[in-house]
Amino acid sequence: MSFQLEIPKDQQPTPEQEWGFTIWEFIMGNLWYIIGIIVILAIFFYARSYMKKH
C-alpha cells in the first residue's frame, strides 16, 4: 500500500512540490553564505580594477 501524494496529470507541480522548498526559503536559509560570496566578489573586482589603474 502506497501513500504518496499524487499530482494530477493536467497540473504542473508547484515549486514546493517539485523541490521541497521555495527560492525564498533557500535564500533565507543560506543568507550568510550568499553575503560572504558577494563580499568576496566585491573585493576581487575592486582589486582587479585597482591593479588595472596602477
C-alpha atoms as a PDB file:
ATOM      1  CA  MET A   1       0.000   0.000   0.000  1.00  0.00           C
ATOM      2  CA  SER A   2       1.490   3.353  -1.062  1.00  0.00           C
ATOM      3  CA  PHE A   3       0.556   6.724   0.451  1.00  0.00           C
ATOM      4  CA  GLN A   4       2.429   9.049  -1.918  1.00  0.00           C
ATOM      5  CA  LEU A   5       0.934  12.428  -2.799  1.00  0.00           C
ATOM      6  CA  GLU A   6      -0.105  12.242  -6.417  1.00  0.00           C
ATOM      7  CA  ILE A   7      -0.225  15.334  -8.611  1.00  0.00           C
ATOM      8  CA  PRO A   8      -2.981  15.343 -11.227  1.00  0.00           C
ATOM      9  CA  LYS A   9      -1.567  14.862 -14.709  1.00  0.00           C
ATOM     10  CA  ASP A  10      -3.112  18.076 -16.070  1.00  0.00           C
ATOM     11  CA  GLN A  11      -1.407  20.325 -13.482  1.00  0.00           C
ATOM     12  CA  GLN A  12       2.205  21.398 -13.234  1.00  0.00           C
ATOM     13  CA  PRO A  13       3.779  20.883  -9.800  1.00  0.00           C
ATOM     14  CA  THR A  14       4.372  23.918  -7.637  1.00  0.00           C
ATOM     15  CA  PRO A  15       7.991  24.696  -6.639  1.00  0.00           C
ATOM     16  CA  GLU A  16       7.304  23.304  -3.153  1.00  0.00           C
ATOM     17  CA  GLN A  17       6.058  20.034  -4.601  1.00  0.00           C
ATOM     18  CA  GLU A  18       8.896  19.767  -7.110  1.00  0.00           C
ATOM     19  CA  TRP A  19      11.904  20.781  -4.968  1.00  0.00           C
ATOM     20  CA  GLY A  20      10.628  20.631  -1.400  1.00  0.00           C
ATOM     21  CA  PHE A  21      11.375  24.335  -0.752  1.00  0.00           C
ATOM     22  CA  THR A  22      10.832  27.760  -2.293  1.00  0.00           C
ATOM     23  CA  ILE A  23      13.551  30.110  -3.527  1.00  0.00           C
ATOM     24  CA  TRP A  24      12.904  32.461  -0.581  1.00  0.00           C
ATOM     25  CA  GLU A  25      13.379  29.637   1.924  1.00  0.00           C
ATOM     26  CA  PHE A  26      16.669  28.781   0.208  1.00  0.00           C
ATOM     27  CA  ILE A  27      17.868  32.412   0.292  1.00  0.00           C
ATOM     28  CA  MET A  28      16.935  32.923   3.937  1.00  0.00           C
ATOM     29  CA  GLY A  29      18.491  29.618   4.969  1.00  0.00           C
ATOM     30  CA  ASN A  30      21.780  30.434   3.227  1.00  0.00           C
ATOM     31  CA  LEU A  31      21.851  34.206   3.731  1.00  0.00           C
ATOM     32  CA  TRP A  32      25.281  34.372   5.415  1.00  0.00           C
ATOM     33  CA  TYR A  33      26.862  32.263   2.673  1.00  0.00           C
ATOM     34  CA  ILE A  34      25.350  34.464  -0.036  1.00  0.00           C
ATOM     35  CA  ILE A  35      26.556  37.637   1.719  1.00  0.00           C
ATOM     36  CA  GLY A  36      30.035  36.107   2.055  1.00  0.00           C
ATOM     37  CA  ILE A  37      30.204  35.266  -1.648  1.00  0.00           C
ATOM     38  CA  ILE A  38      29.090  38.796  -2.560  1.00  0.00           C
ATOM     39  CA  VAL A  39      31.763  40.335  -0.283  1.00  0.00           C
ATOM     40  CA  ILE A  40      34.493  38.119  -1.757  1.00  0.00           C
ATOM     41  CA  LEU A  41      33.420  39.010  -5.298  1.00  0.00           C
ATOM     42  CA  ALA A  42      33.349  42.723  -4.424  1.00  0.00           C
ATOM     43  CA  ILE A  43      36.906  42.534  -3.035  1.00  0.00           C
ATOM     44  CA  PHE A  44      38.070  40.630  -6.110  1.00  0.00           C
ATOM     45  CA  PHE A  45      36.586  43.109  -8.594  1.00  0.00           C
ATOM     46  CA  TYR A  46      37.836  46.098  -6.589  1.00  0.00           C
ATOM     47  CA  ALA A  47      41.366  44.674  -6.501  1.00  0.00           C
ATOM     48  CA  ARG A  48      41.198  43.886 -10.199  1.00  0.00           C
ATOM     49  CA  SER A  49      40.166  47.437 -11.112  1.00  0.00           C
ATOM     50  CA  TYR A  50      42.784  48.864  -8.717  1.00  0.00           C
ATOM     51  CA  MET A  51      45.550  46.830 -10.359  1.00  0.00           C
ATOM     52  CA  LYS A  52      44.497  47.982 -13.862  1.00  0.00           C
ATOM     53  CA  LYS A  53      44.779  51.642 -12.807  1.00  0.00           C
ATOM     54  CA  HIS A  54      48.310  51.243 -11.389  1.00  0.00           C
END
